[in-house]
Each structure stands twice: as C-alpha cells, then as structure tokens.
C-alpha cells in the first residue's frame, strides 16, 4: 500500500516537473523572440541626429516618430502595469 502511494506521488511530481519545464521553455522562447524583435527595431531607431537638421519640419516629424517607436518598444518589453500609462502618454501627444 505504501509503495503504491509513493509511486502515485512520484508520478504526480514527475508530471508537475514536466509541465513546469515546458512552461519555462515556452516563456524563455517568447522572451528571446521579443528580444530579437526589439533589437531589430533598435537598428531602425539608431540614426545619426546630425542628419536631421536639414529640413526642420520634416526632421521634427522624424524625431517624433522615433520617440514613438521607442515608446512602443518599451511597451512591448515592459510589464503590463505600465502599458496604460504609456498609452495615455501617447494620447496626450
């Protein structure tokens, strides 16, 4: 009887560990995909600011769009609690 209980507990513990491991692997994969997307976006936002002084109105729009992209990058990477705050900041602009 005791051996049966231990076998059931061992089986339950093994299943728990398998589920937990798969969840952790999924979370790590999603984080690495988000990091790769963030790095791709960062490549587009890293332009020299000296070239932005030729046409003032167009350049101001470009700078504003770059700022918005940076905010969107932060929204996708940050925790959910800051999402509403960032959206409100975008609305104010």
PDB file of N, CA and C in Angstrom:
ATOM      1  N   UNK A   1       0.827  -1.185   0.000  1.00  0.00           N
ATOM      2  CA  UNK A   1       0.000   0.000   0.000  1.00  0.00           C
ATOM      3  C   UNK A   1       0.881   1.263   0.000  1.00  0.00           C
ATOM      4  N   UNK A   2       1.888   1.275   0.853  1.00  0.00           N
ATOM      5  CA  UNK A   2       2.787   2.418   0.935  1.00  0.00           C
ATOM      6  C   UNK A   2       3.536   2.619  -0.380  1.00  0.00           C
ATOM      7  N   UNK A   3       3.934   1.526  -0.989  1.00  0.00           N
ATOM      8  CA  UNK A   3       4.645   1.619  -2.264  1.00  0.00           C
ATOM      9  C   UNK A   3       3.754   2.217  -3.335  1.00  0.00           C
ATOM     10  N   UNK A   4       2.460   1.901  -3.292  1.00  0.00           N
ATOM     11  CA  UNK A   4       1.522   2.471  -4.257  1.00  0.00           C
ATOM     12  C   UNK A   4       1.390   3.977  -4.084  1.00  0.00           C
ATOM     13  N   UNK A   5       1.317   4.412  -2.849  1.00  0.00           N
ATOM     14  CA  UNK A   5       1.199   5.840  -2.565  1.00  0.00           C
ATOM     15  C   UNK A   5       2.454   6.567  -3.044  1.00  0.00           C
ATOM     16  N   UNK A   6       3.614   6.007  -2.752  1.00  0.00           N
ATOM     17  CA  UNK A   6       4.861   6.631  -3.203  1.00  0.00           C
ATOM     18  C   UNK A   6       4.947   6.652  -4.722  1.00  0.00           C
ATOM     19  N   UNK A   7       4.493   5.597  -5.365  1.00  0.00           N
ATOM     20  CA  UNK A   7       4.508   5.551  -6.831  1.00  0.00           C
ATOM     21  C   UNK A   7       3.592   6.617  -7.403  1.00  0.00           C
ATOM     22  N   UNK A   8       2.412   6.798  -6.818  1.00  0.00           N
ATOM     23  CA  UNK A   8       1.490   7.842  -7.278  1.00  0.00           C
ATOM     24  C   UNK A   8       2.074   9.235  -7.048  1.00  0.00           C
ATOM     25  N   UNK A   9       2.665   9.447  -5.885  1.00  0.00           N
ATOM     26  CA  UNK A   9       3.278  10.742  -5.594  1.00  0.00           C
ATOM     27  C   UNK A   9       4.441  11.024  -6.540  1.00  0.00           C
ATOM     28  N   UNK A  10       5.250  10.003  -6.799  1.00  0.00           N
ATOM     29  CA  UNK A  10       6.373  10.160  -7.713  1.00  0.00           C
ATOM     30  C   UNK A  10       5.873  10.488  -9.123  1.00  0.00           C
ATOM     31  N   UNK A  11       4.826   9.806  -9.561  1.00  0.00           N
ATOM     32  CA  UNK A  11       4.253  10.070 -10.878  1.00  0.00           C
ATOM     33  C   UNK A  11       3.683  11.476 -10.972  1.00  0.00           C
ATOM     34  N   UNK A  12       2.973  11.897  -9.936  1.00  0.00           N
ATOM     35  CA  UNK A  12       2.401  13.245  -9.921  1.00  0.00           C
ATOM     36  C   UNK A  12       3.510  14.295  -9.935  1.00  0.00           C
ATOM     37  N   UNK A  13       4.552  14.071  -9.139  1.00  0.00           N
ATOM     38  CA  UNK A  13       5.679  15.012  -9.095  1.00  0.00           C
ATOM     39  C   UNK A  13       6.375  15.082 -10.456  1.00  0.00           C
ATOM     40  N   UNK A  14       6.536  13.962 -11.106  1.00  0.00           N
ATOM     41  CA  UNK A  14       7.178  13.926 -12.424  1.00  0.00           C
ATOM     42  C   UNK A  14       6.348  14.709 -13.438  1.00  0.00           C
ATOM     43  N   UNK A  15       5.044  14.510 -13.431  1.00  0.00           N
ATOM     44  CA  UNK A  15       4.170  15.251 -14.350  1.00  0.00           C
ATOM     45  C   UNK A  15       4.242  16.748 -14.062  1.00  0.00           C
ATOM     46  N   UNK A  16       4.226  17.118 -12.789  1.00  0.00           N
ATOM     47  CA  UNK A  16       4.338  18.528 -12.415  1.00  0.00           C
ATOM     48  C   UNK A  16       5.635  19.136 -12.961  1.00  0.00           C
ATOM     49  N   UNK A  17       6.737  18.429 -12.800  1.00  0.00           N
ATOM     50  CA  UNK A  17       8.025  18.938 -13.277  1.00  0.00           C
ATOM     51  C   UNK A  17       8.059  19.043 -14.797  1.00  0.00           C
ATOM     52  N   UNK A  18       7.463  18.105 -15.490  1.00  0.00           N
ATOM     53  CA  UNK A  18       7.408  18.172 -16.950  1.00  0.00           C
ATOM     54  C   UNK A  18       6.597  19.380 -17.427  1.00  0.00           C
ATOM     55  N   UNK A  19       5.462  19.606 -16.792  1.00  0.00           N
ATOM     56  CA  UNK A  19       4.625  20.755 -17.156  1.00  0.00           C
ATOM     57  C   UNK A  19       5.355  22.056 -16.855  1.00  0.00           C
ATOM     58  N   UNK A  20       5.970  22.117 -15.700  1.00  0.00           N
ATOM     59  CA  UNK A  20       6.693  23.331 -15.311  1.00  0.00           C
ATOM     60  C   UNK A  20       7.867  23.600 -16.252  1.00  0.00           C
ATOM     61  N   UNK A  21       8.590  22.560 -16.638  1.00  0.00           N
ATOM     62  CA  UNK A  21       9.723  22.714 -17.550  1.00  0.00           C
ATOM     63  C   UNK A  21       9.264  23.201 -18.913  1.00  0.00           C
ATOM     64  N   UNK A  22       8.169  22.639 -19.409  1.00  0.00           N
ATOM     65  CA  UNK A  22       7.686  23.075 -20.721  1.00  0.00           C
ATOM     66  C   UNK A  22       7.210  24.521 -20.662  1.00  0.00           C
ATOM     67  N   UNK A  23       6.593  24.933 -19.555  1.00  0.00           N
ATOM     68  CA  UNK A  23       6.152  26.321 -19.414  1.00  0.00           C
ATOM     69  C   UNK A  23       7.353  27.265 -19.373  1.00  0.00           C
ATOM     70  N   UNK A  24       8.398  26.875 -18.666  1.00  0.00           N
ATOM     71  CA  UNK A  24       9.600  27.708 -18.603  1.00  0.00           C
ATOM     72  C   UNK A  24      10.282  27.807 -19.969  1.00  0.00           C
ATOM     73  N   UNK A  25      10.332  26.699 -20.695  1.00  0.00           N
ATOM     74  CA  UNK A  25      10.918  26.729 -22.039  1.00  0.00           C
ATOM     75  C   UNK A  25      10.127  27.651 -22.954  1.00  0.00           C
ATOM     76  N   UNK A  26       8.792  27.589 -22.878  1.00  0.00           N
ATOM     77  CA  UNK A  26       7.938  28.450 -23.687  1.00  0.00           C
ATOM     78  C   UNK A  26       8.173  29.920 -23.344  1.00  0.00           C
ATOM     79  N   UNK A  27       8.271  30.216 -22.044  1.00  0.00           N
ATOM     80  CA  UNK A  27       8.495  31.591 -21.618  1.00  0.00           C
ATOM     81  C   UNK A  27       9.849  32.114 -22.105  1.00  0.00           C
ATOM     82  N   UNK A  28      10.882  31.281 -22.015  1.00  0.00           N
ATOM     83  CA  UNK A  28      12.205  31.676 -22.494  1.00  0.00           C
ATOM     84  C   UNK A  28      12.213  31.904 -24.006  1.00  0.00           C
ATOM     85  N   UNK A  29      11.506  31.050 -24.740  1.00  0.00           N
ATOM     86  CA  UNK A  29      11.439  31.208 -26.192  1.00  0.00           C
ATOM     87  C   UNK A  29      10.740  32.516 -26.552  1.00  0.00           C
ATOM     88  N   UNK A  30       9.638  32.837 -25.868  1.00  0.00           N
ATOM     89  CA  UNK A  30       8.935  34.083 -26.132  1.00  0.00           C
ATOM     90  C   UNK A  30       9.790  35.293 -25.795  1.00  0.00           C
ATOM     91  N   UNK A  31      10.518  35.222 -24.683  1.00  0.00           N
ATOM     92  CA  UNK A  31      11.387  36.332 -24.310  1.00  0.00           C
ATOM     93  C   UNK A  31      12.507  36.523 -25.322  1.00  0.00           C
ATOM     94  N   UNK A  32      13.065  35.441 -25.820  1.00  0.00           N
ATOM     95  CA  UNK A  32      14.133  35.574 -26.811  1.00  0.00           C
ATOM     96  C   UNK A  32      13.588  36.119 -28.123  1.00  0.00           C
ATOM     97  N   UNK A  33      12.365  35.739 -28.495  1.00  0.00           N
ATOM     98  CA  UNK A  33      11.747  36.300 -29.700  1.00  0.00           C
ATOM     99  C   UNK A  33      11.486  37.791 -29.527  1.00  0.00           C
ATOM    100  N   UNK A  34      10.993  38.191 -28.350  1.00  0.00           N
ATOM    101  CA  UNK A  34      10.776  39.619 -28.089  1.00  0.00           C
ATOM    102  C   UNK A  34      12.080  40.394 -28.122  1.00  0.00           C
ATOM    103  N   UNK A  35      13.132  39.803 -27.569  1.00  0.00           N
ATOM    104  CA  UNK A  35      14.427  40.465 -27.577  1.00  0.00           C
ATOM    105  C   UNK A  35      14.935  40.639 -29.005  1.00  0.00           C
ATOM    106  N   UNK A  36      14.754  39.633 -29.836  1.00  0.00           N
ATOM    107  CA  UNK A  36      15.173  39.722 -31.231  1.00  0.00           C
ATOM    108  C   UNK A  36      14.392  40.809 -31.952  1.00  0.00           C
ATOM    109  N   UNK A  37      13.086  40.912 -31.688  1.00  0.00           N
ATOM    110  CA  UNK A  37      12.282  41.960 -32.307  1.00  0.00           C
ATOM    111  C   UNK A  37      12.724  43.335 -31.834  1.00  0.00           C
ATOM    112  N   UNK A  38      13.029  43.458 -30.555  1.00  0.00           N
ATOM    113  CA  UNK A  38      13.478  44.735 -30.009  1.00  0.00           C
ATOM    114  C   UNK A  38      14.808  45.151 -30.637  1.00  0.00           C
ATOM    115  N   UNK A  39      15.707  44.190 -30.822  1.00  0.00           N
ATOM    116  CA  UNK A  39      16.990  44.500 -31.450  1.00  0.00           C
ATOM    117  C   UNK A  39      16.802  44.939 -32.891  1.00  0.00           C
ATOM    118  N   UNK A  40      15.868  44.321 -33.608  1.00  0.00           N
ATOM    119  CA  UNK A  40      15.591  44.741 -34.980  1.00  0.00           C
ATOM    120  C   UNK A  40      15.051  46.161 -35.015  1.00  0.00           C
ATOM    121  N   UNK A  41      14.131  46.470 -34.095  1.00  0.00           N
ATOM    122  CA  UNK A  41      13.574  47.822 -34.038  1.00  0.00           C
ATOM    123  C   UNK A  41      14.636  48.839 -33.642  1.00  0.00           C
ATOM    124  N   UNK A  42      15.539  48.441 -32.769  1.00  0.00           N
ATOM    125  CA  UNK A  42      16.593  49.355 -32.321  1.00  0.00           C
ATOM    126  C   UNK A  42      17.520  49.726 -33.468  1.00  0.00           C
ATOM    127  N   UNK A  43      17.721  48.829 -34.403  1.00  0.00           N
ATOM    128  CA  UNK A  43      18.566  49.135 -35.560  1.00  0.00           C
ATOM    129  C   UNK A  43      17.971  50.269 -36.381  1.00  0.00           C
ATOM    130  N   UNK A  44      16.638  50.322 -36.478  1.00  0.00           N
ATOM    131  CA  UNK A  44      15.991  51.368 -37.262  1.00  0.00           C
ATOM    132  C   UNK A  44      15.963  52.708 -36.535  1.00  0.00           C
ATOM    133  N   UNK A  45      16.004  52.693 -35.226  1.00  0.00           N
ATOM    134  CA  UNK A  45      15.901  53.943 -34.466  1.00  0.00           C
ATOM    135  C   UNK A  45      17.255  54.561 -34.164  1.00  0.00           C
ATOM    136  N   UNK A  46      18.354  53.895 -34.492  1.00  0.00           N
ATOM    137  CA  UNK A  46      19.677  54.426 -34.197  1.00  0.00           C
ATOM    138  C   UNK A  46      20.265  55.087 -35.436  1.00  0.00           C
ATOM    139  N   UNK A  47      19.799  56.268 -35.729  1.00  0.00           N
ATOM    140  CA  UNK A  47      20.345  57.026 -36.859  1.00  0.00           C
ATOM    141  C   UNK A  47      21.039  58.256 -36.303  1.00  0.00           C
ATOM    142  N   UNK A  48      22.054  58.758 -36.996  1.00  0.00           N
ATOM    143  CA  UNK A  48      22.735  59.957 -36.518  1.00  0.00           C
ATOM    144  C   UNK A  48      21.788  61.150 -36.499  1.00  0.00           C
ATOM    145  N   UNK A  49      21.807  61.892 -35.414  1.00  0.00           N
ATOM    146  CA  UNK A  49      20.902  63.038 -35.291  1.00  0.00           C
ATOM    147  C   UNK A  49      21.418  64.258 -36.036  1.00  0.00           C
ATOM    148  N   UNK A  50      22.676  64.273 -36.457  1.00  0.00           N
ATOM    149  CA  UNK A  50      23.209  65.415 -37.204  1.00  0.00           C
ATOM    150  C   UNK A  50      22.546  65.533 -38.570  1.00  0.00           C
ATOM    151  N   UNK A  51      22.130  64.435 -39.152  1.00  0.00           N
ATOM    152  CA  UNK A  51      21.493  64.460 -40.467  1.00  0.00           C
ATOM    153  C   UNK A  51      20.064  64.969 -40.388  1.00  0.00           C
ATOM    154  N   UNK A  52      19.537  65.127 -39.194  1.00  0.00           N
ATOM    155  CA  UNK A  52      18.149  65.561 -39.029  1.00  0.00           C
ATOM    156  C   UNK A  52      17.987  67.074 -38.973  1.00  0.00           C
ATOM    157  N   UNK A  53      19.000  67.844 -39.279  1.00  0.00           N
ATOM    158  CA  UNK A  53      18.913  69.293 -39.159  1.00  0.00           C
ATOM    159  C   UNK A  53      18.679  69.997 -40.491  1.00  0.00           C
ATOM    160  N   UNK A  54      18.531  69.294 -41.599  1.00  0.00           N
ATOM    161  CA  UNK A  54      18.390  69.919 -42.917  1.00  0.00           C
ATOM    162  C   UNK A  54      17.016  70.531 -43.109  1.00  0.00           C
ATOM    163  N   UNK A  55      15.966  69.794 -42.991  1.00  0.00           N
ATOM    164  CA  UNK A  55      14.608  70.311 -43.160  1.00  0.00           C
ATOM    165  C   UNK A  55      13.903  70.245 -41.805  1.00  0.00           C
ATOM    166  N   UNK A  56      13.738  71.401 -41.141  1.00  0.00           N
ATOM    167  CA  UNK A  56      13.261  71.403 -39.746  1.00  0.00           C
ATOM    168  C   UNK A  56      11.913  70.714 -39.529  1.00  0.00           C
ATOM    169  N   UNK A  57      10.920  71.006 -40.353  1.00  0.00           N
ATOM    170  CA  UNK A  57       9.605  70.419 -40.114  1.00  0.00           C
ATOM    171  C   UNK A  57       9.621  68.909 -40.315  1.00  0.00           C
ATOM    172  N   UNK A  58      10.231  68.472 -41.384  1.00  0.00           N
ATOM    173  CA  UNK A  58      10.315  67.034 -41.669  1.00  0.00           C
ATOM    174  C   UNK A  58      11.139  66.332 -40.589  1.00  0.00           C
ATOM    175  N   UNK A  59      12.207  66.976 -40.183  1.00  0.00           N
ATOM    176  CA  UNK A  59      13.070  66.386 -39.165  1.00  0.00           C
ATOM    177  C   UNK A  59      12.358  66.273 -37.823  1.00  0.00           C
ATOM    178  N   UNK A  60      11.539  67.271 -37.488  1.00  0.00           N
ATOM    179  CA  UNK A  60      10.791  67.201 -36.236  1.00  0.00           C
ATOM    180  C   UNK A  60       9.827  66.025 -36.263  1.00  0.00           C
ATOM    181  N   UNK A  61       9.218  65.798 -37.416  1.00  0.00           N
ATOM    182  CA  UNK A  61       8.311  64.657 -37.551  1.00  0.00           C
ATOM    183  C   UNK A  61       9.071  63.343 -37.397  1.00  0.00           C
ATOM    184  N   UNK A  62      10.251  63.275 -37.982  1.00  0.00           N
ATOM    185  CA  UNK A  62      11.058  62.061 -37.883  1.00  0.00           C
ATOM    186  C   UNK A  62      11.461  61.805 -36.438  1.00  0.00           C
ATOM    187  N   UNK A  63      11.894  62.862 -35.749  1.00  0.00           N
ATOM    188  CA  UNK A  63      12.290  62.710 -34.344  1.00  0.00           C
ATOM    189  C   UNK A  63      11.088  62.257 -33.512  1.00  0.00           C
ATOM    190  N   UNK A  64       9.921  62.852 -33.771  1.00  0.00           N
ATOM    191  CA  UNK A  64       8.713  62.469 -33.037  1.00  0.00           C
ATOM    192  C   UNK A  64       8.353  61.007 -33.298  1.00  0.00           C
ATOM    193  N   UNK A  65       8.466  60.581 -34.550  1.00  0.00           N
ATOM    194  CA  UNK A  65       8.175  59.180 -34.876  1.00  0.00           C
ATOM    195  C   UNK A  65       9.172  58.240 -34.218  1.00  0.00           C
ATOM    196  N   UNK A  66      10.434  58.640 -34.162  1.00  0.00           N
ATOM    197  CA  UNK A  66      11.441  57.813 -33.490  1.00  0.00           C
ATOM    198  C   UNK A  66      11.114  57.682 -31.998  1.00  0.00           C
ATOM    199  N   UNK A  67      10.685  58.770 -31.395  1.00  0.00           N
ATOM    200  CA  UNK A  67      10.312  58.722 -29.982  1.00  0.00           C
ATOM    201  C   UNK A  67       9.133  57.782 -29.774  1.00  0.00           C
ATOM    202  N   UNK A  68       8.168  57.835 -30.681  1.00  0.00           N
ATOM    203  CA  UNK A  68       7.007  56.953 -30.567  1.00  0.00           C
ATOM    204  C   UNK A  68       7.402  55.490 -30.721  1.00  0.00           C
ATOM    205  N   UNK A  69       8.318  55.215 -31.634  1.00  0.00           N
ATOM    206  CA  UNK A  69       8.790  53.839 -31.809  1.00  0.00           C
ATOM    207  C   UNK A  69       9.497  53.369 -30.548  1.00  0.00           C
ATOM    208  N   UNK A  70      10.281  54.248 -29.937  1.00  0.00           N
ATOM    209  CA  UNK A  70      10.958  53.874 -28.695  1.00  0.00           C
ATOM    210  C   UNK A  70       9.945  53.580 -27.592  1.00  0.00           C
ATOM    211  N   UNK A  71       8.882  54.370 -27.528  1.00  0.00           N
ATOM    212  CA  UNK A  71       7.832  54.124 -26.540  1.00  0.00           C
ATOM    213  C   UNK A  71       7.165  52.777 -26.809  1.00  0.00           C
ATOM    214  N   UNK A  72       6.890  52.499 -28.075  1.00  0.00           N
ATOM    215  CA  UNK A  72       6.281  51.216 -28.413  1.00  0.00           C
ATOM    216  C   UNK A  72       7.207  50.056 -28.078  1.00  0.00           C
ATOM    217  N   UNK A  73       8.506  50.241 -28.262  1.00  0.00           N
ATOM    218  CA  UNK A  73       9.463  49.204 -27.872  1.00  0.00           C
ATOM    219  C   UNK A  73       9.390  48.959 -26.377  1.00  0.00           C
ATOM    220  N   UNK A  74       9.345  50.041 -25.613  1.00  0.00           N
ATOM    221  CA  UNK A  74       9.259  49.880 -24.161  1.00  0.00           C
ATOM    222  C   UNK A  74       7.960  49.205 -23.757  1.00  0.00           C
ATOM    223  N   UNK A  75       6.858  49.541 -24.438  1.00  0.00           N
ATOM    224  CA  UNK A  75       5.569  48.937 -24.105  1.00  0.00           C
ATOM    225  C   UNK A  75       5.626  47.431 -24.320  1.00  0.00           C
ATOM    226  N   UNK A  76       6.242  47.007 -25.428  1.00  0.00           N
ATOM    227  CA  UNK A  76       6.277  45.573 -25.713  1.00  0.00           C
ATOM    228  C   UNK A  76       7.196  44.822 -24.771  1.00  0.00           C
ATOM    229  N   UNK A  77       8.185  45.504 -24.193  1.00  0.00           N
ATOM    230  CA  UNK A  77       9.146  44.825 -23.331  1.00  0.00           C
ATOM    231  C   UNK A  77       8.778  44.969 -21.860  1.00  0.00           C
ATOM    232  N   UNK A  78       8.198  46.116 -21.475  1.00  0.00           N
ATOM    233  CA  UNK A  78       7.893  46.375 -20.067  1.00  0.00           C
ATOM    234  C   UNK A  78       6.756  45.487 -19.566  1.00  0.00           C
ATOM    235  N   UNK A  79       6.551  45.582 -18.272  1.00  0.00           N
ATOM    236  CA  UNK A  79       5.482  44.829 -17.633  1.00  0.00           C
ATOM    237  C   UNK A  79       4.139  45.451 -17.982  1.00  0.00           C
ATOM    238  N   UNK A  80       3.087  44.702 -17.782  1.00  0.00           N
ATOM    239  CA  UNK A  80       1.749  45.135 -18.166  1.00  0.00           C
ATOM    240  C   UNK A  80       1.264  46.354 -17.389  1.00  0.00           C
ATOM    241  N   UNK A  81       1.743  46.561 -16.176  1.00  0.00           N
ATOM    242  CA  UNK A  81       1.233  47.664 -15.367  1.00  0.00           C
ATOM    243  C   UNK A  81       1.587  49.031 -15.953  1.00  0.00           C
ATOM    244  N   UNK A  82       2.612  49.119 -16.761  1.00  0.00           N
ATOM    245  CA  UNK A  82       2.986  50.403 -17.343  1.00  0.00           C
ATOM    246  C   UNK A  82       2.345  50.622 -18.701  1.00  0.00           C
ATOM    247  N   UNK A  83       1.627  49.632 -19.198  1.00  0.00           N
ATOM    248  CA  UNK A  83       1.026  49.736 -20.525  1.00  0.00           C
ATOM    249  C   UNK A  83       0.020  50.881 -20.594  1.00  0.00           C
ATOM    250  N   UNK A  84      -0.869  50.983 -19.638  1.00  0.00           N
ATOM    251  CA  UNK A  84      -1.889  52.028 -19.674  1.00  0.00           C
ATOM    252  C   UNK A  84      -1.260  53.414 -19.543  1.00  0.00           C
ATOM    253  N   UNK A  85      -0.212  53.531 -18.742  1.00  0.00           N
ATOM    254  CA  UNK A  85       0.471  54.819 -18.586  1.00  0.00           C
ATOM    255  C   UNK A  85       1.105  55.257 -19.897  1.00  0.00           C
ATOM    256  N   UNK A  86       1.751  54.351 -20.599  1.00  0.00           N
ATOM    257  CA  UNK A  86       2.398  54.674 -21.867  1.00  0.00           C
ATOM    258  C   UNK A  86       1.368  55.041 -22.936  1.00  0.00           C
ATOM    259  N   UNK A  87       0.246  54.351 -22.937  1.00  0.00           N
ATOM    260  CA  UNK A  87      -0.808  54.661 -23.910  1.00  0.00           C
ATOM    261  C   UNK A  87      -1.354  56.053 -23.655  1.00  0.00           C
ATOM    262  N   UNK A  88      -1.526  56.404 -22.398  1.00  0.00           N
ATOM    263  CA  UNK A  88      -2.012  57.742 -22.062  1.00  0.00           C
ATOM    264  C   UNK A  88      -1.011  58.811 -22.490  1.00  0.00           C
ATOM    265  N   UNK A  89       0.276  58.534 -22.332  1.00  0.00           N
ATOM    266  CA  UNK A  89       1.295  59.489 -22.777  1.00  0.00           C
ATOM    267  C   UNK A  89       1.251  59.688 -24.289  1.00  0.00           C
ATOM    268  N   UNK A  90       0.976  58.616 -25.022  1.00  0.00           N
ATOM    269  CA  UNK A  90       0.850  58.732 -26.480  1.00  0.00           C
ATOM    270  C   UNK A  90      -0.384  59.536 -26.864  1.00  0.00           C
ATOM    271  N   UNK A  91      -1.457  59.378 -26.136  1.00  0.00           N
ATOM    272  CA  UNK A  91      -2.676  60.124 -26.437  1.00  0.00           C
ATOM    273  C   UNK A  91      -2.494  61.620 -26.209  1.00  0.00           C
ATOM    274  N   UNK A  92      -1.722  61.975 -25.186  1.00  0.00           N
ATOM    275  CA  UNK A  92      -1.511  63.383 -24.856  1.00  0.00           C
ATOM    276  C   UNK A  92      -0.742  64.071 -25.980  1.00  0.00           C
ATOM    277  N   UNK A  93       0.184  63.346 -26.610  1.00  0.00           N
ATOM    278  CA  UNK A  93       0.964  63.914 -27.709  1.00  0.00           C
ATOM    279  C   UNK A  93       0.042  64.156 -28.874  1.00  0.00           C
TER     280      UNK A  93
END
